[in-house]
Amino acid sequence: MEICNTCPSISVEDLRAAQADLKSYVDVTEEDLMKIYVLAVRHARERLSTKIAVRDVMTHKVYSVTRDTEVEKAGAILAEQKISGMPVIDEKERVLGVISEADILAASGFGKKRPAGDFLRRLLGESVPSKREGHLAGDIMSTPPITIGPFEDIKEVAVILDKRRIKRLPVVDFEGRLLGIISRGDIVRAMGKR
């Protein structure tokens, strides 16, 4: 009996073999188990049909800087490209942190002074731009970076962006190398196409 075109067919013999592997008694008939499997496949199809993978909506052309980039140059890139932040990467394109307009303003002394709010953000694990000394992106970047993998659902990205009160997430491979970036705007555009 074939359950779905993309799934391997499962026979009664397969069910018996699986039950033997359990080495315990399961109080369910083979027919009931097959019904459960059919329903599980249906639920999986429905779940996967509503999932939108990060890789399908992320921005592939990403502006980034290295930790040795001067803050003024990083600010110029943000202004020229009309973006509010970008990843800071190493020589192997691994994401080290993110530099944003807020980081640059805080380093310049123009950031809002909210010590009580900053204290609460730190307690909640959120990154807090603070006045830091230095003239390089690596000196003032927000770290550790909050990243996402390309196969995750954009719903998860939306939750992270909202919870952490940030605007973008670098998309990285399993070694932490930069693949793209996903922003609030990318998610809104993806939802608009549904």
N, C-alpha and C. Protein backbone atom coordinates (compact mmCIF):
# COMPACT_ATOMS: atom_id res chain seq x y z
N MET A 1 0.85 -1.18 0.00
CA MET A 1 0.00 0.00 0.00
C MET A 1 0.90 1.24 0.00
N GLU A 2 0.76 2.11 -1.00
CA GLU A 2 1.55 3.33 -1.11
C GLU A 2 0.79 4.46 -0.42
N ILE A 3 1.46 5.17 0.48
CA ILE A 3 0.81 6.24 1.24
C ILE A 3 0.94 7.57 0.52
N CYS A 4 2.11 7.87 0.04
CA CYS A 4 2.32 9.12 -0.70
C CYS A 4 3.38 8.90 -1.76
N ASN A 5 3.39 9.75 -2.79
CA ASN A 5 4.31 9.58 -3.91
C ASN A 5 5.76 9.82 -3.53
N THR A 6 5.98 10.74 -2.60
CA THR A 6 7.36 11.09 -2.24
C THR A 6 7.86 10.33 -1.02
N CYS A 7 7.01 9.51 -0.41
CA CYS A 7 7.40 8.73 0.77
C CYS A 7 7.61 7.29 0.33
N PRO A 8 8.50 6.57 0.99
CA PRO A 8 8.61 5.15 0.67
C PRO A 8 7.34 4.44 1.09
N SER A 9 6.97 3.41 0.33
CA SER A 9 5.76 2.69 0.72
C SER A 9 6.05 1.85 1.97
N ILE A 10 5.09 1.80 2.85
CA ILE A 10 5.24 1.04 4.07
C ILE A 10 4.24 -0.10 4.02
N SER A 11 4.74 -1.28 4.22
CA SER A 11 3.88 -2.46 4.18
C SER A 11 3.60 -2.94 5.60
N VAL A 12 2.69 -3.88 5.70
CA VAL A 12 2.37 -4.49 6.99
C VAL A 12 3.63 -5.16 7.54
N GLU A 13 4.44 -5.74 6.65
CA GLU A 13 5.69 -6.38 7.09
C GLU A 13 6.63 -5.35 7.71
N ASP A 14 6.66 -4.16 7.13
CA ASP A 14 7.51 -3.10 7.69
C ASP A 14 7.03 -2.73 9.10
N LEU A 15 5.72 -2.65 9.27
CA LEU A 15 5.17 -2.33 10.58
C LEU A 15 5.52 -3.41 11.60
N ARG A 16 5.42 -4.66 11.18
CA ARG A 16 5.76 -5.77 12.09
C ARG A 16 7.24 -5.72 12.48
N ALA A 17 8.08 -5.43 11.49
CA ALA A 17 9.52 -5.35 11.76
C ALA A 17 9.83 -4.20 12.71
N ALA A 18 9.17 -3.07 12.50
CA ALA A 18 9.38 -1.91 13.38
C ALA A 18 8.92 -2.23 14.80
N GLN A 19 7.78 -2.91 14.92
CA GLN A 19 7.29 -3.28 16.24
C GLN A 19 8.25 -4.23 16.93
N ALA A 20 8.84 -5.16 16.18
CA ALA A 20 9.81 -6.10 16.75
C ALA A 20 11.05 -5.35 17.24
N ASP A 21 11.43 -4.29 16.51
CA ASP A 21 12.59 -3.48 16.93
C ASP A 21 12.35 -2.79 18.27
N LEU A 22 11.09 -2.48 18.56
CA LEU A 22 10.77 -1.83 19.83
C LEU A 22 11.00 -2.74 21.02
N LYS A 23 10.90 -4.03 20.79
CA LYS A 23 11.11 -5.04 21.84
C LYS A 23 10.16 -4.82 23.04
N SER A 24 8.99 -4.30 22.72
CA SER A 24 7.97 -4.14 23.75
C SER A 24 6.60 -4.23 23.08
N TYR A 25 5.59 -4.42 23.88
CA TYR A 25 4.24 -4.54 23.36
C TYR A 25 3.65 -3.14 23.16
N VAL A 26 3.03 -2.93 22.00
CA VAL A 26 2.35 -1.68 21.70
C VAL A 26 0.88 -2.02 21.52
N ASP A 27 0.03 -1.38 22.29
CA ASP A 27 -1.40 -1.68 22.26
C ASP A 27 -2.09 -0.91 21.13
N VAL A 28 -1.73 -1.26 19.90
CA VAL A 28 -2.34 -0.66 18.72
C VAL A 28 -2.27 -1.70 17.60
N THR A 29 -3.32 -1.78 16.82
CA THR A 29 -3.32 -2.76 15.73
C THR A 29 -2.51 -2.21 14.56
N GLU A 30 -2.14 -3.12 13.67
CA GLU A 30 -1.41 -2.69 12.47
C GLU A 30 -2.26 -1.75 11.64
N GLU A 31 -3.56 -2.02 11.60
CA GLU A 31 -4.47 -1.15 10.85
C GLU A 31 -4.52 0.25 11.47
N ASP A 32 -4.59 0.31 12.80
CA ASP A 32 -4.60 1.61 13.49
C ASP A 32 -3.29 2.36 13.25
N LEU A 33 -2.19 1.63 13.30
CA LEU A 33 -0.89 2.26 13.07
C LEU A 33 -0.79 2.83 11.66
N MET A 34 -1.33 2.10 10.67
CA MET A 34 -1.34 2.58 9.30
C MET A 34 -2.20 3.85 9.18
N LYS A 35 -3.33 3.89 9.88
CA LYS A 35 -4.18 5.09 9.87
C LYS A 35 -3.43 6.27 10.47
N ILE A 36 -2.73 6.03 11.58
CA ILE A 36 -1.93 7.09 12.21
C ILE A 36 -0.88 7.61 11.25
N TYR A 37 -0.23 6.69 10.55
CA TYR A 37 0.81 7.09 9.58
C TYR A 37 0.22 7.95 8.48
N VAL A 38 -0.91 7.54 7.92
CA VAL A 38 -1.56 8.30 6.84
C VAL A 38 -1.91 9.71 7.33
N LEU A 39 -2.45 9.81 8.54
CA LEU A 39 -2.80 11.12 9.10
C LEU A 39 -1.54 11.96 9.35
N ALA A 40 -0.47 11.32 9.83
CA ALA A 40 0.78 12.05 10.07
C ALA A 40 1.34 12.60 8.77
N VAL A 41 1.28 11.82 7.70
CA VAL A 41 1.76 12.29 6.39
C VAL A 41 0.93 13.48 5.94
N ARG A 42 -0.39 13.41 6.12
CA ARG A 42 -1.27 14.52 5.73
C ARG A 42 -0.91 15.79 6.51
N HIS A 43 -0.71 15.65 7.83
CA HIS A 43 -0.34 16.81 8.65
C HIS A 43 1.01 17.37 8.23
N ALA A 44 1.96 16.50 7.93
CA ALA A 44 3.29 16.96 7.49
C ALA A 44 3.19 17.73 6.19
N ARG A 45 2.38 17.22 5.25
CA ARG A 45 2.20 17.94 3.96
C ARG A 45 1.61 19.32 4.20
N GLU A 46 0.59 19.40 5.06
CA GLU A 46 -0.04 20.70 5.34
C GLU A 46 0.95 21.65 5.98
N ARG A 47 1.74 21.15 6.93
CA ARG A 47 2.73 21.99 7.61
C ARG A 47 3.78 22.49 6.63
N LEU A 48 4.26 21.59 5.78
CA LEU A 48 5.31 21.98 4.84
C LEU A 48 4.79 22.90 3.74
N SER A 49 3.50 22.78 3.41
CA SER A 49 2.97 23.65 2.37
C SER A 49 2.82 25.08 2.86
N THR A 50 2.74 25.30 4.17
CA THR A 50 2.62 26.65 4.70
C THR A 50 3.97 27.23 5.12
N LYS A 51 5.00 26.41 5.14
CA LYS A 51 6.32 26.87 5.56
C LYS A 51 6.99 27.64 4.42
N ILE A 52 7.61 28.75 4.77
CA ILE A 52 8.42 29.50 3.81
C ILE A 52 9.83 29.51 4.36
N ALA A 53 10.74 28.92 3.62
CA ALA A 53 12.13 28.83 4.07
C ALA A 53 12.84 30.17 3.94
N VAL A 54 13.70 30.46 4.87
CA VAL A 54 14.50 31.69 4.87
C VAL A 54 15.21 31.87 3.53
N ARG A 55 15.80 30.81 3.02
CA ARG A 55 16.59 30.90 1.77
C ARG A 55 15.75 31.38 0.59
N ASP A 56 14.42 31.17 0.65
CA ASP A 56 13.55 31.55 -0.46
C ASP A 56 13.20 33.03 -0.47
N VAL A 57 13.43 33.73 0.65
CA VAL A 57 13.06 35.15 0.71
C VAL A 57 14.19 36.06 1.15
N MET A 58 15.32 35.49 1.57
CA MET A 58 16.43 36.32 2.06
C MET A 58 17.03 37.15 0.93
N THR A 59 17.69 38.21 1.32
CA THR A 59 18.44 39.04 0.38
C THR A 59 19.81 38.40 0.21
N HIS A 60 20.14 38.09 -1.04
CA HIS A 60 21.41 37.39 -1.30
C HIS A 60 22.60 38.35 -1.39
N LYS A 61 22.35 39.55 -1.91
CA LYS A 61 23.43 40.54 -2.02
C LYS A 61 23.51 41.27 -0.69
N VAL A 62 24.54 40.96 0.07
CA VAL A 62 24.66 41.51 1.42
C VAL A 62 25.89 42.40 1.49
N TYR A 63 25.70 43.60 2.02
CA TYR A 63 26.82 44.48 2.29
C TYR A 63 27.37 44.09 3.65
N SER A 64 28.67 43.98 3.73
CA SER A 64 29.30 43.61 4.99
C SER A 64 30.63 44.33 5.11
N VAL A 65 31.17 44.31 6.30
CA VAL A 65 32.49 44.90 6.56
C VAL A 65 33.28 43.91 7.40
N THR A 66 34.56 44.14 7.51
CA THR A 66 35.39 43.32 8.38
C THR A 66 35.57 44.06 9.70
N ARG A 67 36.11 43.38 10.67
CA ARG A 67 36.32 44.02 11.98
C ARG A 67 37.32 45.18 11.89
N ASP A 68 38.17 45.19 10.85
CA ASP A 68 39.17 46.24 10.68
C ASP A 68 38.68 47.44 9.87
N THR A 69 37.43 47.41 9.43
CA THR A 69 36.87 48.53 8.68
C THR A 69 36.67 49.71 9.62
N GLU A 70 37.08 50.90 9.18
CA GLU A 70 36.89 52.08 10.02
C GLU A 70 35.40 52.39 10.15
N VAL A 71 35.03 52.88 11.32
CA VAL A 71 33.62 53.17 11.62
C VAL A 71 33.05 54.16 10.61
N GLU A 72 33.83 55.16 10.24
CA GLU A 72 33.35 56.15 9.27
C GLU A 72 33.00 55.50 7.94
N LYS A 73 33.83 54.56 7.50
CA LYS A 73 33.56 53.85 6.24
C LYS A 73 32.31 52.99 6.37
N ALA A 74 32.16 52.31 7.50
CA ALA A 74 30.97 51.49 7.73
C ALA A 74 29.72 52.37 7.70
N GLY A 75 29.79 53.53 8.33
CA GLY A 75 28.67 54.47 8.32
C GLY A 75 28.35 54.95 6.91
N ALA A 76 29.39 55.19 6.12
CA ALA A 76 29.18 55.64 4.74
C ALA A 76 28.48 54.55 3.92
N ILE A 77 28.86 53.29 4.14
CA ILE A 77 28.20 52.19 3.41
C ILE A 77 26.73 52.11 3.80
N LEU A 78 26.45 52.20 5.09
CA LEU A 78 25.05 52.17 5.54
C LEU A 78 24.25 53.29 4.88
N ALA A 79 24.83 54.49 4.87
CA ALA A 79 24.12 55.64 4.29
C ALA A 79 23.94 55.49 2.78
N GLU A 80 25.01 55.11 2.08
CA GLU A 80 24.96 54.97 0.62
C GLU A 80 23.97 53.89 0.18
N GLN A 81 23.94 52.79 0.89
CA GLN A 81 23.07 51.67 0.51
C GLN A 81 21.68 51.77 1.12
N LYS A 82 21.46 52.80 1.94
CA LYS A 82 20.16 53.01 2.60
C LYS A 82 19.73 51.77 3.40
N ILE A 83 20.67 51.27 4.18
CA ILE A 83 20.40 50.14 5.07
C ILE A 83 20.74 50.57 6.50
N SER A 84 20.15 49.90 7.48
CA SER A 84 20.36 50.34 8.87
C SER A 84 21.36 49.48 9.62
N GLY A 85 21.86 48.43 9.00
CA GLY A 85 22.86 47.59 9.66
C GLY A 85 23.40 46.56 8.70
N MET A 86 24.54 45.97 9.07
CA MET A 86 25.15 44.94 8.22
C MET A 86 26.07 44.06 9.06
N PRO A 87 26.33 42.86 8.56
CA PRO A 87 27.21 41.93 9.29
C PRO A 87 28.67 42.37 9.26
N VAL A 88 29.38 42.00 10.30
CA VAL A 88 30.83 42.15 10.37
C VAL A 88 31.37 40.71 10.24
N ILE A 89 32.23 40.50 9.24
CA ILE A 89 32.71 39.14 8.95
C ILE A 89 34.22 39.05 9.08
N ASP A 90 34.71 37.80 9.21
CA ASP A 90 36.15 37.57 9.22
C ASP A 90 36.62 37.18 7.82
N GLU A 91 37.88 36.79 7.70
CA GLU A 91 38.46 36.47 6.38
C GLU A 91 37.83 35.23 5.75
N LYS A 92 37.16 34.40 6.53
CA LYS A 92 36.49 33.21 5.99
C LYS A 92 34.99 33.45 5.81
N GLU A 93 34.58 34.71 5.90
CA GLU A 93 33.19 35.16 5.75
C GLU A 93 32.27 34.63 6.85
N ARG A 94 32.84 34.31 8.02
CA ARG A 94 32.04 33.94 9.18
C ARG A 94 31.57 35.21 9.86
N VAL A 95 30.33 35.21 10.30
CA VAL A 95 29.74 36.39 10.92
C VAL A 95 30.24 36.51 12.36
N LEU A 96 30.84 37.65 12.66
CA LEU A 96 31.38 37.94 14.00
C LEU A 96 30.44 38.80 14.83
N GLY A 97 29.67 39.62 14.14
CA GLY A 97 28.77 40.55 14.81
C GLY A 97 27.99 41.33 13.77
N VAL A 98 27.30 42.34 14.23
CA VAL A 98 26.52 43.22 13.35
C VAL A 98 26.81 44.65 13.77
N ILE A 99 26.99 45.50 12.79
CA ILE A 99 27.16 46.93 13.07
C ILE A 99 25.95 47.65 12.50
N SER A 100 25.35 48.49 13.34
CA SER A 100 24.13 49.18 12.94
C SER A 100 24.29 50.69 13.13
N GLU A 101 23.30 51.39 12.64
CA GLU A 101 23.27 52.84 12.85
C GLU A 101 23.29 53.14 14.35
N ALA A 102 22.56 52.34 15.13
CA ALA A 102 22.52 52.55 16.58
C ALA A 102 23.90 52.38 17.20
N ASP A 103 24.68 51.39 16.74
CA ASP A 103 26.03 51.19 17.25
C ASP A 103 26.91 52.40 16.94
N ILE A 104 26.80 52.89 15.72
CA ILE A 104 27.62 54.04 15.30
C ILE A 104 27.22 55.28 16.08
N LEU A 105 25.92 55.50 16.25
CA LEU A 105 25.47 56.66 17.03
C LEU A 105 25.92 56.56 18.48
N ALA A 106 25.82 55.37 19.05
CA ALA A 106 26.23 55.19 20.45
C ALA A 106 27.73 55.43 20.59
N ALA A 107 28.52 54.96 19.63
CA ALA A 107 29.97 55.15 19.69
C ALA A 107 30.34 56.62 19.51
N SER A 108 29.49 57.35 18.81
CA SER A 108 29.74 58.77 18.58
C SER A 108 29.23 59.65 19.72
N GLY A 109 28.54 59.01 20.68
CA GLY A 109 28.01 59.78 21.81
C GLY A 109 26.64 60.33 21.57
N PHE A 110 26.00 59.96 20.45
CA PHE A 110 24.67 60.49 20.15
C PHE A 110 23.55 59.53 20.52
N GLY A 111 23.87 58.36 21.05
CA GLY A 111 22.85 57.39 21.41
C GLY A 111 22.02 57.87 22.58
N LYS A 112 20.83 57.34 22.69
CA LYS A 112 19.96 57.67 23.81
C LYS A 112 20.55 57.09 25.08
N LYS A 113 20.46 57.84 26.16
CA LYS A 113 20.98 57.37 27.44
C LYS A 113 19.82 56.84 28.27
N ARG A 114 19.71 55.49 28.35
CA ARG A 114 18.66 54.85 29.11
C ARG A 114 19.28 53.73 29.92
N PRO A 115 20.05 54.06 30.97
CA PRO A 115 20.73 53.00 31.72
C PRO A 115 19.79 51.97 32.32
N ALA A 116 18.62 52.37 32.81
CA ALA A 116 17.70 51.39 33.41
C ALA A 116 17.17 50.45 32.33
N GLY A 117 16.79 50.99 31.19
CA GLY A 117 16.31 50.17 30.08
C GLY A 117 17.40 49.25 29.56
N ASP A 118 18.62 49.75 29.48
CA ASP A 118 19.74 48.92 29.02
C ASP A 118 20.00 47.78 29.99
N PHE A 119 19.89 48.07 31.29
CA PHE A 119 20.10 47.03 32.30
C PHE A 119 19.08 45.90 32.12
N LEU A 120 17.80 46.28 31.91
CA LEU A 120 16.76 45.28 31.72
C LEU A 120 16.99 44.48 30.44
N ARG A 121 17.41 45.15 29.37
CA ARG A 121 17.69 44.43 28.12
C ARG A 121 18.80 43.41 28.31
N ARG A 122 19.84 43.79 29.02
CA ARG A 122 20.93 42.85 29.29
C ARG A 122 20.44 41.65 30.09
N LEU A 123 19.59 41.90 31.10
CA LEU A 123 19.04 40.81 31.89
C LEU A 123 18.23 39.85 31.03
N LEU A 124 17.54 40.38 30.03
CA LEU A 124 16.72 39.56 29.14
C LEU A 124 17.53 38.94 28.01
N GLY A 125 18.84 39.20 27.98
CA GLY A 125 19.69 38.61 26.95
C GLY A 125 19.71 39.36 25.64
N GLU A 126 19.17 40.56 25.62
CA GLU A 126 19.15 41.34 24.39
C GLU A 126 20.45 42.12 24.25
N SER A 127 20.84 42.37 22.98
CA SER A 127 22.03 43.18 22.77
C SER A 127 21.69 44.65 23.00
N VAL A 128 22.62 45.37 23.56
CA VAL A 128 22.40 46.76 23.90
C VAL A 128 23.56 47.58 23.34
N PRO A 129 23.27 48.48 22.39
CA PRO A 129 24.35 49.35 21.92
C PRO A 129 24.82 50.22 23.07
N SER A 130 26.11 50.32 23.23
CA SER A 130 26.64 51.15 24.30
C SER A 130 27.83 51.93 23.77
N LYS A 131 28.17 52.96 24.48
CA LYS A 131 29.32 53.77 24.10
C LYS A 131 30.57 52.92 24.24
N ARG A 132 31.20 52.68 23.12
CA ARG A 132 32.44 51.89 23.14
C ARG A 132 33.53 52.70 22.47
N GLU A 133 34.70 52.50 22.96
CA GLU A 133 35.84 53.20 22.40
C GLU A 133 36.35 52.44 21.18
N GLY A 134 36.86 53.16 20.23
CA GLY A 134 37.46 52.53 19.08
C GLY A 134 36.98 53.16 17.79
N HIS A 135 37.79 52.92 16.76
CA HIS A 135 37.50 53.51 15.45
C HIS A 135 37.23 52.45 14.42
N LEU A 136 37.16 51.18 14.84
CA LEU A 136 36.96 50.09 13.91
C LEU A 136 35.62 49.40 14.16
N ALA A 137 35.07 48.81 13.11
CA ALA A 137 33.79 48.11 13.22
C ALA A 137 33.84 47.06 14.32
N GLY A 138 34.95 46.35 14.42
CA GLY A 138 35.08 45.31 15.44
C GLY A 138 35.04 45.84 16.85
N ASP A 139 35.36 47.13 17.03
CA ASP A 139 35.34 47.73 18.37
C ASP A 139 33.92 48.04 18.84
N ILE A 140 33.02 48.34 17.91
CA ILE A 140 31.69 48.81 18.32
C ILE A 140 30.55 47.90 17.88
N MET A 141 30.84 46.84 17.16
CA MET A 141 29.78 45.97 16.66
C MET A 141 29.03 45.31 17.82
N SER A 142 27.78 44.95 17.56
CA SER A 142 26.99 44.19 18.52
C SER A 142 27.36 42.72 18.38
N THR A 143 27.68 42.12 19.49
CA THR A 143 28.12 40.73 19.47
C THR A 143 27.66 40.04 20.74
N PRO A 144 27.44 38.76 20.78
CA PRO A 144 27.56 37.81 19.68
C PRO A 144 26.43 38.02 18.68
N PRO A 145 26.68 37.63 17.43
CA PRO A 145 25.65 37.82 16.42
C PRO A 145 24.48 36.85 16.63
N ILE A 146 23.31 37.32 16.33
CA ILE A 146 22.12 36.47 16.32
C ILE A 146 21.90 36.11 14.86
N THR A 147 21.96 34.83 14.53
CA THR A 147 21.89 34.40 13.14
C THR A 147 20.79 33.35 12.97
N ILE A 148 20.55 32.99 11.71
CA ILE A 148 19.54 31.97 11.39
C ILE A 148 20.07 31.15 10.22
N GLY A 149 19.62 29.92 10.12
CA GLY A 149 19.99 29.04 9.01
C GLY A 149 19.06 29.22 7.83
N PRO A 150 19.49 28.82 6.64
CA PRO A 150 18.70 29.04 5.43
C PRO A 150 17.43 28.19 5.32
N PHE A 151 17.37 27.09 6.05
CA PHE A 151 16.22 26.20 5.92
C PHE A 151 15.16 26.43 7.00
N GLU A 152 15.39 27.38 7.89
CA GLU A 152 14.41 27.68 8.94
C GLU A 152 13.20 28.39 8.34
N ASP A 153 12.10 28.36 9.05
CA ASP A 153 10.86 28.99 8.62
C ASP A 153 10.91 30.48 8.96
N ILE A 154 10.38 31.30 8.06
CA ILE A 154 10.40 32.75 8.32
C ILE A 154 9.55 33.11 9.54
N LYS A 155 8.64 32.24 9.94
CA LYS A 155 7.87 32.50 11.16
C LYS A 155 8.81 32.56 12.37
N GLU A 156 9.81 31.70 12.37
CA GLU A 156 10.80 31.70 13.45
C GLU A 156 11.60 33.00 13.44
N VAL A 157 11.94 33.48 12.25
CA VAL A 157 12.67 34.74 12.12
C VAL A 157 11.84 35.88 12.69
N ALA A 158 10.57 35.90 12.34
CA ALA A 158 9.69 36.98 12.83
C ALA A 158 9.64 37.00 14.35
N VAL A 159 9.59 35.83 14.96
CA VAL A 159 9.57 35.75 16.42
C VAL A 159 10.87 36.30 17.01
N ILE A 160 12.00 35.92 16.43
CA ILE A 160 13.30 36.38 16.93
C ILE A 160 13.43 37.89 16.78
N LEU A 161 13.06 38.42 15.61
CA LEU A 161 13.15 39.86 15.37
C LEU A 161 12.30 40.63 16.38
N ASP A 162 11.10 40.13 16.63
CA ASP A 162 10.21 40.80 17.57
C ASP A 162 10.74 40.70 19.00
N LYS A 163 11.13 39.50 19.39
CA LYS A 163 11.60 39.28 20.76
C LYS A 163 12.86 40.06 21.07
N ARG A 164 13.80 40.09 20.12
CA ARG A 164 15.08 40.76 20.33
C ARG A 164 15.07 42.23 19.93
N ARG A 165 13.97 42.66 19.35
CA ARG A 165 13.82 44.06 18.90
C ARG A 165 14.94 44.48 17.96
N ILE A 166 15.16 43.63 16.96
CA ILE A 166 16.16 43.92 15.93
C ILE A 166 15.47 43.90 14.57
N LYS A 167 16.17 44.37 13.55
CA LYS A 167 15.56 44.53 12.24
C LYS A 167 15.98 43.51 11.21
N ARG A 168 17.06 42.78 11.50
CA ARG A 168 17.58 41.86 10.49
C ARG A 168 18.34 40.72 11.14
N LEU A 169 18.48 39.63 10.42
CA LEU A 169 19.29 38.51 10.88
C LEU A 169 20.21 38.06 9.75
N PRO A 170 21.50 37.93 10.01
CA PRO A 170 22.36 37.31 9.01
C PRO A 170 21.97 35.84 8.86
N VAL A 171 21.97 35.37 7.62
CA VAL A 171 21.69 33.97 7.33
C VAL A 171 23.04 33.29 7.11
N VAL A 172 23.29 32.22 7.86
CA VAL A 172 24.60 31.57 7.82
C VAL A 172 24.46 30.08 7.56
N ASP A 173 25.55 29.49 7.03
CA ASP A 173 25.59 28.05 6.86
C ASP A 173 26.00 27.40 8.17
N PHE A 174 26.19 26.09 8.16
CA PHE A 174 26.48 25.38 9.42
C PHE A 174 27.83 25.74 10.01
N GLU A 175 28.70 26.41 9.24
CA GLU A 175 29.99 26.86 9.76
C GLU A 175 29.99 28.34 10.13
N GLY A 176 28.82 28.96 10.07
CA GLY A 176 28.70 30.37 10.44
C GLY A 176 29.08 31.33 9.34
N ARG A 177 29.24 30.84 8.10
CA ARG A 177 29.59 31.72 6.98
C ARG A 177 28.34 32.41 6.43
N LEU A 178 28.52 33.66 6.06
CA LEU A 178 27.43 34.50 5.60
C LEU A 178 26.89 34.03 4.25
N LEU A 179 25.57 33.80 4.19
CA LEU A 179 24.90 33.41 2.95
C LEU A 179 23.98 34.52 2.45
N GLY A 180 23.44 35.30 3.37
CA GLY A 180 22.47 36.32 3.01
C GLY A 180 22.02 37.03 4.27
N ILE A 181 20.96 37.79 4.12
CA ILE A 181 20.40 38.48 5.27
C ILE A 181 18.89 38.50 5.10
N ILE A 182 18.17 38.38 6.19
CA ILE A 182 16.71 38.44 6.13
C ILE A 182 16.26 39.54 7.08
N SER A 183 15.39 40.38 6.56
CA SER A 183 14.93 41.54 7.32
C SER A 183 13.42 41.50 7.49
N ARG A 184 12.93 42.41 8.28
CA ARG A 184 11.48 42.54 8.45
C ARG A 184 10.82 42.74 7.08
N GLY A 185 11.43 43.58 6.25
CA GLY A 185 10.87 43.86 4.92
C GLY A 185 10.79 42.61 4.05
N ASP A 186 11.80 41.74 4.13
CA ASP A 186 11.77 40.50 3.36
C ASP A 186 10.58 39.64 3.78
N ILE A 187 10.33 39.58 5.08
CA ILE A 187 9.22 38.77 5.59
C ILE A 187 7.88 39.36 5.14
N VAL A 188 7.75 40.68 5.24
CA VAL A 188 6.50 41.33 4.82
C VAL A 188 6.24 41.09 3.34
N ARG A 189 7.27 41.21 2.51
CA ARG A 189 7.12 40.96 1.07
C ARG A 189 6.71 39.52 0.81
N ALA A 190 7.31 38.57 1.52
CA ALA A 190 6.97 37.15 1.34
C ALA A 190 5.52 36.88 1.72
N MET A 191 5.07 37.49 2.81
CA MET A 191 3.70 37.29 3.25
C MET A 191 2.72 37.93 2.27
N GLY A 192 3.12 39.02 1.64
CA GLY A 192 2.27 39.69 0.66
C GLY A 192 2.08 38.89 -0.61
N LYS A 193 3.00 37.99 -0.90
CA LYS A 193 2.91 37.17 -2.11
C LYS A 193 2.07 35.92 -1.92
N ARG A 194 1.71 35.63 -0.69
CA ARG A 194 0.93 34.39 -0.40
C ARG A 194 -0.50 34.56 -0.76
